[in-house]
Amino acid sequence: MMDLEKEIPGEDEEGFLTRSKDMDEESAEEAYKIVKSILRMAESVPEKAEEFAAGVSETAVSIQSRIEKMGKATPKMISALTNMESGLSRWTKDD
């Protein structure tokens, strides 16, 4: 028998999808790993991309702060972080 709480998301008072605590922790952990990757890559971009990397890092840290307050990461947050990581990876591969 499936655990409905884990399989079927609901919505909280702010309209965010809610899932089981385990799934919330998994999404927050996934986001944390992406933010860590972003910050690591931002340190190794060429000089011409430093300003871009600083802005991306600041935004990633801001999102991480929101995740910590909420205790979960929304799919849009994960998507935004993944896009930031992808953008930075282009700079680190081209140096």
PDB file of N, CA and C in Angstrom:
ATOM      1  N   MET A   1       0.842  -1.188   0.000  1.00  0.00           N
ATOM      2  CA  MET A   1       0.000   0.000   0.000  1.00  0.00           C
ATOM      3  C   MET A   1       0.887   1.251   0.000  1.00  0.00           C
ATOM      4  N   MET A   2       0.572   2.217  -0.846  1.00  0.00           N
ATOM      5  CA  MET A   2       1.420   3.409  -0.929  1.00  0.00           C
ATOM      6  C   MET A   2       1.101   4.393   0.187  1.00  0.00           C
ATOM      7  N   ASP A   3       2.146   5.128   0.571  1.00  0.00           N
ATOM      8  CA  ASP A   3       2.002   6.164   1.589  1.00  0.00           C
ATOM      9  C   ASP A   3       1.528   7.429   0.873  1.00  0.00           C
ATOM     10  N   LEU A   4       0.261   7.770   1.026  1.00  0.00           N
ATOM     11  CA  LEU A   4      -0.316   8.888   0.291  1.00  0.00           C
ATOM     12  C   LEU A   4       0.347  10.212   0.604  1.00  0.00           C
ATOM     13  N   GLU A   5       0.780  10.405   1.843  1.00  0.00           N
ATOM     14  CA  GLU A   5       1.416  11.668   2.192  1.00  0.00           C
ATOM     15  C   GLU A   5       2.681  11.889   1.371  1.00  0.00           C
ATOM     16  N   LYS A   6       3.408  10.808   1.085  1.00  0.00           N
ATOM     17  CA  LYS A   6       4.631  10.949   0.292  1.00  0.00           C
ATOM     18  C   LYS A   6       4.339  11.056  -1.194  1.00  0.00           C
ATOM     19  N   GLU A   7       3.227  10.501  -1.660  1.00  0.00           N
ATOM     20  CA  GLU A   7       2.934  10.439  -3.080  1.00  0.00           C
ATOM     21  C   GLU A   7       2.123  11.624  -3.597  1.00  0.00           C
ATOM     22  N   ILE A   8       1.287  12.200  -2.760  1.00  0.00           N
ATOM     23  CA  ILE A   8       0.379  13.246  -3.220  1.00  0.00           C
ATOM     24  C   ILE A   8       0.696  14.561  -2.503  1.00  0.00           C
ATOM     25  N   PRO A   9       1.212  15.533  -3.242  1.00  0.00           N
ATOM     26  CA  PRO A   9       1.505  16.815  -2.604  1.00  0.00           C
ATOM     27  C   PRO A   9       0.229  17.591  -2.317  1.00  0.00           C
ATOM     28  N   GLY A  10       0.301  18.457  -1.323  1.00  0.00           N
ATOM     29  CA  GLY A  10      -0.785  19.371  -1.013  1.00  0.00           C
ATOM     30  C   GLY A  10      -0.265  20.787  -1.156  1.00  0.00           C
ATOM     31  N   GLU A  11      -0.983  21.752  -0.637  1.00  0.00           N
ATOM     32  CA  GLU A  11      -0.519  23.138  -0.664  1.00  0.00           C
ATOM     33  C   GLU A  11      -0.584  23.715   0.727  1.00  0.00           C
ATOM     34  N   ASP A  12       0.421  24.547   1.060  1.00  0.00           N
ATOM     35  CA  ASP A  12       0.382  25.236   2.341  1.00  0.00           C
ATOM     36  C   ASP A  12      -0.329  26.576   2.165  1.00  0.00           C
ATOM     37  N   GLU A  13      -0.364  27.386   3.206  1.00  0.00           N
ATOM     38  CA  GLU A  13      -1.100  28.649   3.159  1.00  0.00           C
ATOM     39  C   GLU A  13      -0.530  29.656   2.169  1.00  0.00           C
ATOM     40  N   GLU A  14       0.747  29.485   1.761  1.00  0.00           N
ATOM     41  CA  GLU A  14       1.353  30.382   0.784  1.00  0.00           C
ATOM     42  C   GLU A  14       1.237  29.848  -0.641  1.00  0.00           C
ATOM     43  N   GLY A  15       0.603  28.685  -0.801  1.00  0.00           N
ATOM     44  CA  GLY A  15       0.447  28.117  -2.131  1.00  0.00           C
ATOM     45  C   GLY A  15       1.603  27.241  -2.575  1.00  0.00           C
ATOM     46  N   PHE A  16       2.584  27.012  -1.692  1.00  0.00           N
ATOM     47  CA  PHE A  16       3.690  26.137  -2.033  1.00  0.00           C
ATOM     48  C   PHE A  16       3.235  24.696  -1.926  1.00  0.00           C
ATOM     49  N   LEU A  17       3.729  23.870  -2.827  1.00  0.00           N
ATOM     50  CA  LEU A  17       3.437  22.449  -2.722  1.00  0.00           C
ATOM     51  C   LEU A  17       4.098  21.908  -1.467  1.00  0.00           C
ATOM     52  N   THR A  18       3.390  21.096  -0.751  1.00  0.00           N
ATOM     53  CA  THR A  18       3.945  20.475   0.436  1.00  0.00           C
ATOM     54  C   THR A  18       4.024  18.980   0.210  1.00  0.00           C
ATOM     55  N   ARG A  19       5.035  18.386   0.788  1.00  0.00           N
ATOM     56  CA  ARG A  19       5.214  16.954   0.679  1.00  0.00           C
ATOM     57  C   ARG A  19       5.609  16.445   2.051  1.00  0.00           C
ATOM     58  N   SER A  20       5.901  15.188   2.138  1.00  0.00           N
ATOM     59  CA  SER A  20       6.305  14.638   3.423  1.00  0.00           C
ATOM     60  C   SER A  20       7.601  15.288   3.885  1.00  0.00           C
ATOM     61  N   LYS A  21       7.883  15.192   5.156  1.00  0.00           N
ATOM     62  CA  LYS A  21       9.099  15.777   5.707  1.00  0.00           C
ATOM     63  C   LYS A  21      10.334  15.206   5.029  1.00  0.00           C
ATOM     64  N   ASP A  22      10.338  13.894   4.765  1.00  0.00           N
ATOM     65  CA  ASP A  22      11.489  13.284   4.097  1.00  0.00           C
ATOM     66  C   ASP A  22      11.724  13.911   2.732  1.00  0.00           C
ATOM     67  N   MET A  23      10.648  14.137   1.971  1.00  0.00           N
ATOM     68  CA  MET A  23      10.791  14.726   0.648  1.00  0.00           C
ATOM     69  C   MET A  23      11.230  16.180   0.755  1.00  0.00           C
ATOM     70  N   ASP A  24      10.743  16.900   1.758  1.00  0.00           N
ATOM     71  CA  ASP A  24      11.183  18.275   1.968  1.00  0.00           C
ATOM     72  C   ASP A  24      12.671  18.319   2.259  1.00  0.00           C
ATOM     73  N   GLU A  25      13.145  17.419   3.098  1.00  0.00           N
ATOM     74  CA  GLU A  25      14.564  17.364   3.426  1.00  0.00           C
ATOM     75  C   GLU A  25      15.389  17.002   2.208  1.00  0.00           C
ATOM     76  N   GLU A  26      14.874  16.099   1.374  1.00  0.00           N
ATOM     77  CA  GLU A  26      15.590  15.724   0.158  1.00  0.00           C
ATOM     78  C   GLU A  26      15.705  16.909  -0.793  1.00  0.00           C
ATOM     79  N   SER A  27      14.633  17.680  -0.959  1.00  0.00           N
ATOM     80  CA  SER A  27      14.678  18.826  -1.860  1.00  0.00           C
ATOM     81  C   SER A  27      15.628  19.895  -1.324  1.00  0.00           C
ATOM     82  N   ALA A  28      15.616  20.108  -0.026  1.00  0.00           N
ATOM     83  CA  ALA A  28      16.522  21.089   0.575  1.00  0.00           C
ATOM     84  C   ALA A  28      17.966  20.633   0.432  1.00  0.00           C
ATOM     85  N   GLU A  29      18.213  19.348   0.596  1.00  0.00           N
ATOM     86  CA  GLU A  29      19.573  18.805   0.452  1.00  0.00           C
ATOM     87  C   GLU A  29      20.045  18.923  -0.999  1.00  0.00           C
ATOM     88  N   GLU A  30      19.160  18.642  -1.938  1.00  0.00           N
ATOM     89  CA  GLU A  30      19.499  18.780  -3.352  1.00  0.00           C
ATOM     90  C   GLU A  30      19.871  20.230  -3.665  1.00  0.00           C
ATOM     91  N   ALA A  31      19.073  21.159  -3.165  1.00  0.00           N
ATOM     92  CA  ALA A  31      19.345  22.583  -3.388  1.00  0.00           C
ATOM     93  C   ALA A  31      20.670  22.982  -2.761  1.00  0.00           C
ATOM     94  N   TYR A  32      20.936  22.500  -1.549  1.00  0.00           N
ATOM     95  CA  TYR A  32      22.191  22.825  -0.874  1.00  0.00           C
ATOM     96  C   TYR A  32      23.381  22.366  -1.711  1.00  0.00           C
ATOM     97  N   LYS A  33      23.296  21.165  -2.282  1.00  0.00           N
ATOM     98  CA  LYS A  33      24.392  20.653  -3.110  1.00  0.00           C
ATOM     99  C   LYS A  33      24.611  21.524  -4.343  1.00  0.00           C
ATOM    100  N   ILE A  34      23.525  21.999  -4.940  1.00  0.00           N
ATOM    101  CA  ILE A  34      23.646  22.866  -6.121  1.00  0.00           C
ATOM    102  C   ILE A  34      24.264  24.200  -5.737  1.00  0.00           C
ATOM    103  N   VAL A  35      23.824  24.778  -4.615  1.00  0.00           N
ATOM    104  CA  VAL A  35      24.393  26.058  -4.160  1.00  0.00           C
ATOM    105  C   VAL A  35      25.891  25.890  -3.891  1.00  0.00           C
ATOM    106  N   LYS A  36      26.259  24.810  -3.252  1.00  0.00           N
ATOM    107  CA  LYS A  36      27.675  24.544  -2.974  1.00  0.00           C
ATOM    108  C   LYS A  36      28.471  24.465  -4.280  1.00  0.00           C
ATOM    109  N   SER A  37      27.913  23.811  -5.280  1.00  0.00           N
ATOM    110  CA  SER A  37      28.557  23.710  -6.586  1.00  0.00           C
ATOM    111  C   SER A  37      28.690  25.086  -7.234  1.00  0.00           C
ATOM    112  N   ILE A  38      27.638  25.890  -7.137  1.00  0.00           N
ATOM    113  CA  ILE A  38      27.671  27.251  -7.699  1.00  0.00           C
ATOM    114  C   ILE A  38      28.781  28.068  -7.053  1.00  0.00           C
ATOM    115  N   LEU A  39      28.851  28.026  -5.732  1.00  0.00           N
ATOM    116  CA  LEU A  39      29.867  28.825  -5.029  1.00  0.00           C
ATOM    117  C   LEU A  39      31.273  28.357  -5.378  1.00  0.00           C
ATOM    118  N   ARG A  40      31.443  27.055  -5.536  1.00  0.00           N
ATOM    119  CA  ARG A  40      32.759  26.509  -5.905  1.00  0.00           C
ATOM    120  C   ARG A  40      33.143  26.963  -7.314  1.00  0.00           C
ATOM    121  N   MET A  41      32.203  26.867  -8.256  1.00  0.00           N
ATOM    122  CA  MET A  41      32.483  27.277  -9.637  1.00  0.00           C
ATOM    123  C   MET A  41      32.725  28.776  -9.735  1.00  0.00           C
ATOM    124  N   ALA A  42      32.005  29.556  -8.938  1.00  0.00           N
ATOM    125  CA  ALA A  42      32.139  31.017  -9.002  1.00  0.00           C
ATOM    126  C   ALA A  42      33.555  31.467  -8.658  1.00  0.00           C
ATOM    127  N   GLU A  43      34.255  30.658  -7.887  1.00  0.00           N
ATOM    128  CA  GLU A  43      35.631  31.000  -7.519  1.00  0.00           C
ATOM    129  C   GLU A  43      36.627  30.732  -8.636  1.00  0.00           C
ATOM    130  N   SER A  44      36.206  29.994  -9.664  1.00  0.00           N
ATOM    131  CA  SER A  44      37.175  29.611 -10.701  1.00  0.00           C
ATOM    132  C   SER A  44      36.836  30.143 -12.094  1.00  0.00           C
ATOM    133  N   VAL A  45      36.003  31.177 -12.146  1.00  0.00           N
ATOM    134  CA  VAL A  45      35.690  31.763 -13.452  1.00  0.00           C
ATOM    135  C   VAL A  45      36.803  32.715 -13.861  1.00  0.00           C
ATOM    136  N   PRO A  46      36.949  32.963 -15.162  1.00  0.00           N
ATOM    137  CA  PRO A  46      37.939  33.944 -15.605  1.00  0.00           C
ATOM    138  C   PRO A  46      37.561  35.352 -15.130  1.00  0.00           C
ATOM    139  N   GLU A  47      38.518  36.224 -15.133  1.00  0.00           N
ATOM    140  CA  GLU A  47      38.317  37.584 -14.621  1.00  0.00           C
ATOM    141  C   GLU A  47      37.134  38.290 -15.283  1.00  0.00           C
ATOM    142  N   LYS A  48      36.958  38.102 -16.581  1.00  0.00           N
ATOM    143  CA  LYS A  48      35.869  38.789 -17.286  1.00  0.00           C
ATOM    144  C   LYS A  48      34.477  38.320 -16.836  1.00  0.00           C
ATOM    145  N   ALA A  49      34.400  37.211 -16.118  1.00  0.00           N
ATOM    146  CA  ALA A  49      33.106  36.691 -15.649  1.00  0.00           C
ATOM    147  C   ALA A  49      32.925  36.847 -14.142  1.00  0.00           C
ATOM    148  N   GLU A  50      33.845  37.498 -13.474  1.00  0.00           N
ATOM    149  CA  GLU A  50      33.771  37.610 -12.011  1.00  0.00           C
ATOM    150  C   GLU A  50      32.524  38.338 -11.534  1.00  0.00           C
ATOM    151  N   GLU A  51      32.139  39.397 -12.214  1.00  0.00           N
ATOM    152  CA  GLU A  51      30.953  40.152 -11.808  1.00  0.00           C
ATOM    153  C   GLU A  51      29.696  39.291 -11.966  1.00  0.00           C
ATOM    154  N   PHE A  52      29.615  38.584 -13.081  1.00  0.00           N
ATOM    155  CA  PHE A  52      28.496  37.667 -13.313  1.00  0.00           C
ATOM    156  C   PHE A  52      28.457  36.597 -12.225  1.00  0.00           C
ATOM    157  N   ALA A  53      29.595  36.002 -11.933  1.00  0.00           N
ATOM    158  CA  ALA A  53      29.674  34.941 -10.926  1.00  0.00           C
ATOM    159  C   ALA A  53      29.287  35.456  -9.542  1.00  0.00           C
ATOM    160  N   ALA A  54      29.681  36.682  -9.238  1.00  0.00           N
ATOM    161  CA  ALA A  54      29.329  37.266  -7.941  1.00  0.00           C
ATOM    162  C   ALA A  54      27.816  37.452  -7.828  1.00  0.00           C
ATOM    163  N   GLY A  55      27.185  37.909  -8.896  1.00  0.00           N
ATOM    164  CA  GLY A  55      25.732  38.084  -8.889  1.00  0.00           C
ATOM    165  C   GLY A  55      25.001  36.760  -8.765  1.00  0.00           C
ATOM    166  N   VAL A  56      25.479  35.758  -9.475  1.00  0.00           N
ATOM    167  CA  VAL A  56      24.863  34.428  -9.400  1.00  0.00           C
ATOM    168  C   VAL A  56      25.023  33.861  -7.992  1.00  0.00           C
ATOM    169  N   SER A  57      26.207  34.015  -7.415  1.00  0.00           N
ATOM    170  CA  SER A  57      26.468  33.519  -6.061  1.00  0.00           C
ATOM    171  C   SER A  57      25.553  34.191  -5.046  1.00  0.00           C
ATOM    172  N   GLU A  58      25.400  35.488  -5.170  1.00  0.00           N
ATOM    173  CA  GLU A  58      24.535  36.239  -4.250  1.00  0.00           C
ATOM    174  C   GLU A  58      23.086  35.747  -4.342  1.00  0.00           C
ATOM    175  N   THR A  59      22.621  35.538  -5.562  1.00  0.00           N
ATOM    176  CA  THR A  59      21.255  35.050  -5.746  1.00  0.00           C
ATOM    177  C   THR A  59      21.096  33.638  -5.195  1.00  0.00           C
ATOM    178  N   ALA A  60      22.089  32.783  -5.439  1.00  0.00           N
ATOM    179  CA  ALA A  60      22.036  31.400  -4.941  1.00  0.00           C
ATOM    180  C   ALA A  60      22.001  31.364  -3.422  1.00  0.00           C
ATOM    181  N   VAL A  61      22.795  32.204  -2.784  1.00  0.00           N
ATOM    182  CA  VAL A  61      22.810  32.266  -1.319  1.00  0.00           C
ATOM    183  C   VAL A  61      21.469  32.783  -0.798  1.00  0.00           C
ATOM    184  N   SER A  62      20.879  33.725  -1.500  1.00  0.00           N
ATOM    185  CA  SER A  62      19.570  34.249  -1.118  1.00  0.00           C
ATOM    186  C   SER A  62      18.502  33.148  -1.196  1.00  0.00           C
ATOM    187  N   ILE A  63      18.541  32.380  -2.264  1.00  0.00           N
ATOM    188  CA  ILE A  63      17.592  31.268  -2.410  1.00  0.00           C
ATOM    189  C   ILE A  63      17.821  30.240  -1.302  1.00  0.00           C
ATOM    190  N   GLN A  64      19.084  29.946  -1.019  1.00  0.00           N
ATOM    191  CA  GLN A  64      19.402  28.983   0.041  1.00  0.00           C
ATOM    192  C   GLN A  64      18.870  29.474   1.392  1.00  0.00           C
ATOM    193  N   SER A  65      18.978  30.747   1.641  1.00  0.00           N
ATOM    194  CA  SER A  65      18.464  31.317   2.883  1.00  0.00           C
ATOM    195  C   SER A  65      16.955  31.123   2.988  1.00  0.00           C
ATOM    196  N   ARG A  66      16.260  31.352   1.886  1.00  0.00           N
ATOM    197  CA  ARG A  66      14.796  31.161   1.854  1.00  0.00           C
ATOM    198  C   ARG A  66      14.444  29.686   2.092  1.00  0.00           C
ATOM    199  N   ILE A  67      15.210  28.792   1.497  1.00  0.00           N
ATOM    200  CA  ILE A  67      14.989  27.359   1.677  1.00  0.00           C
ATOM    201  C   ILE A  67      15.161  26.974   3.138  1.00  0.00           C
ATOM    202  N   GLU A  68      16.187  27.517   3.767  1.00  0.00           N
ATOM    203  CA  GLU A  68      16.424  27.218   5.179  1.00  0.00           C
ATOM    204  C   GLU A  68      15.264  27.697   6.044  1.00  0.00           C
ATOM    205  N   LYS A  69      14.705  28.853   5.726  1.00  0.00           N
ATOM    206  CA  LYS A  69      13.558  29.364   6.490  1.00  0.00           C
ATOM    207  C   LYS A  69      12.314  28.514   6.269  1.00  0.00           C
ATOM    208  N   MET A  70      12.117  28.047   5.028  1.00  0.00           N
ATOM    209  CA  MET A  70      10.935  27.258   4.694  1.00  0.00           C
ATOM    210  C   MET A  70      11.088  25.787   5.082  1.00  0.00           C
ATOM    211  N   GLY A  71      12.324  25.334   5.117  1.00  0.00           N
ATOM    212  CA  GLY A  71      12.572  23.921   5.393  1.00  0.00           C
ATOM    213  C   GLY A  71      12.378  23.030   4.187  1.00  0.00           C
ATOM    214  N   LYS A  72      12.248  23.628   3.020  1.00  0.00           N
ATOM    215  CA  LYS A  72      12.066  22.868   1.780  1.00  0.00           C
ATOM    216  C   LYS A  72      12.418  23.758   0.593  1.00  0.00           C
ATOM    217  N   ALA A  73      12.646  23.103  -0.532  1.00  0.00           N
ATOM    218  CA  ALA A  73      12.910  23.824  -1.774  1.00  0.00           C
ATOM    219  C   ALA A  73      11.793  23.521  -2.751  1.00  0.00           C
ATOM    220  N   THR A  74      11.246  24.547  -3.361  1.00  0.00           N
ATOM    221  CA  THR A  74      10.197  24.337  -4.357  1.00  0.00           C
ATOM    222  C   THR A  74      10.843  23.895  -5.670  1.00  0.00           C
ATOM    223  N   PRO A  75      10.077  23.282  -6.553  1.00  0.00           N
ATOM    224  CA  PRO A  75      10.620  22.909  -7.863  1.00  0.00           C
ATOM    225  C   PRO A  75      11.176  24.113  -8.628  1.00  0.00           C
ATOM    226  N   LYS A  76      10.548  25.274  -8.484  1.00  0.00           N
ATOM    227  CA  LYS A  76      11.053  26.474  -9.167  1.00  0.00           C
ATOM    228  C   LYS A  76      12.405  26.906  -8.612  1.00  0.00           C
ATOM    229  N   MET A  77      12.600  26.744  -7.314  1.00  0.00           N
ATOM    230  CA  MET A  77      13.899  27.075  -6.723  1.00  0.00           C
ATOM    231  C   MET A  77      14.983  26.147  -7.254  1.00  0.00           C
ATOM    232  N   ILE A  78      14.679  24.853  -7.286  1.00  0.00           N
ATOM    233  CA  ILE A  78      15.641  23.876  -7.808  1.00  0.00           C
ATOM    234  C   ILE A  78      15.955  24.200  -9.264  1.00  0.00           C
ATOM    235  N   SER A  79      14.935  24.521 -10.046  1.00  0.00           N
ATOM    236  CA  SER A  79      15.137  24.862 -11.451  1.00  0.00           C
ATOM    237  C   SER A  79      16.012  26.105 -11.608  1.00  0.00           C
ATOM    238  N   ALA A  80      15.749  27.129 -10.822  1.00  0.00           N
ATOM    239  CA  ALA A  80      16.545  28.361 -10.888  1.00  0.00           C
ATOM    240  C   ALA A  80      18.001  28.072 -10.531  1.00  0.00           C
ATOM    241  N   LEU A  81      18.214  27.302  -9.479  1.00  0.00           N
ATOM    242  CA  LEU A  81      19.585  26.975  -9.076  1.00  0.00           C
ATOM    243  C   LEU A  81      20.295  26.148 -10.144  1.00  0.00           C
ATOM    244  N   THR A  82      19.577  25.218 -10.737  1.00  0.00           N
ATOM    245  CA  THR A  82      20.162  24.386 -11.791  1.00  0.00           C
ATOM    246  C   THR A  82      20.559  25.242 -12.990  1.00  0.00           C
ATOM    247  N   ASN A  83      19.711  26.208 -13.351  1.00  0.00           N
ATOM    248  CA  ASN A  83      20.035  27.109 -14.460  1.00  0.00           C
ATOM    249  C   ASN A  83      21.257  27.964 -14.141  1.00  0.00           C
ATOM    250  N   MET A  84      21.355  28.437 -12.901  1.00  0.00           N
ATOM    251  CA  MET A  84      22.527  29.224 -12.496  1.00  0.00           C
ATOM    252  C   MET A  84      23.794  28.379 -12.589  1.00  0.00           C
ATOM    253  N   GLU A  85      23.692  27.153 -12.106  1.00  0.00           N
ATOM    254  CA  GLU A  85      24.834  26.240 -12.143  1.00  0.00           C
ATOM    255  C   GLU A  85      25.271  25.993 -13.592  1.00  0.00           C
ATOM    256  N   SER A  86      24.304  25.812 -14.470  1.00  0.00           N
ATOM    257  CA  SER A  86      24.592  25.583 -15.879  1.00  0.00           C
ATOM    258  C   SER A  86      25.287  26.798 -16.503  1.00  0.00           C
ATOM    259  N   GLY A  87      24.794  27.988 -16.183  1.00  0.00           N
ATOM    260  CA  GLY A  87      25.407  29.214 -16.707  1.00  0.00           C
ATOM    261  C   GLY A  87      26.841  29.378 -16.260  1.00  0.00           C
ATOM    262  N   LEU A  88      27.094  29.092 -14.999  1.00  0.00           N
ATOM    263  CA  LEU A  88      28.471  29.197 -14.496  1.00  0.00           C
ATOM    264  C   LEU A  88      29.366  28.127 -15.091  1.00  0.00           C
ATOM    265  N   SER A  89      28.824  26.959 -15.323  1.00  0.00           N
ATOM    266  CA  SER A  89      29.644  25.873 -15.862  1.00  0.00           C
ATOM    267  C   SER A  89      30.177  26.224 -17.247  1.00  0.00           C
ATOM    268  N   ARG A  90      29.449  27.014 -17.999  1.00  0.00           N
ATOM    269  CA  ARG A  90      29.926  27.449 -19.321  1.00  0.00           C
ATOM    270  C   ARG A  90      31.186  28.303 -19.194  1.00  0.00           C
ATOM    271  N   TRP A  91      31.246  29.103 -18.157  1.00  0.00           N
ATOM    272  CA  TRP A  91      32.430  29.936 -17.950  1.00  0.00           C
ATOM    273  C   TRP A  91      33.619  29.127 -17.468  1.00  0.00           C
ATOM    274  N   THR A  92      33.392  28.166 -16.613  1.00  0.00           N
ATOM    275  CA  THR A  92      34.512  27.404 -16.087  1.00  0.00           C
ATOM    276  C   THR A  92      35.090  26.446 -17.123  1.00  0.00           C
ATOM    277  N   LYS A  93      34.281  26.012 -18.085  1.00  0.00           N
ATOM    278  CA  LYS A  93      34.781  25.125 -19.148  1.00  0.00           C
ATOM    279  C   LYS A  93      35.561  25.872 -20.212  1.00  0.00           C
ATOM    280  N   ASP A  94      35.269  27.179 -20.341  1.00  0.00           N
ATOM    281  CA  ASP A  94      35.884  27.960 -21.420  1.00  0.00           C
ATOM    282  C   ASP A  94      37.136  28.702 -21.021  1.00  0.00           C
ATOM    283  N   ASP A  95      37.609  28.504 -19.778  1.00  0.00           N
ATOM    284  CA  ASP A  95      38.792  29.305 -19.428  1.00  0.00           C
ATOM    285  C   ASP A  95      39.990  28.745 -20.111  1.00  0.00           C
TER     286      ASP A  95
END
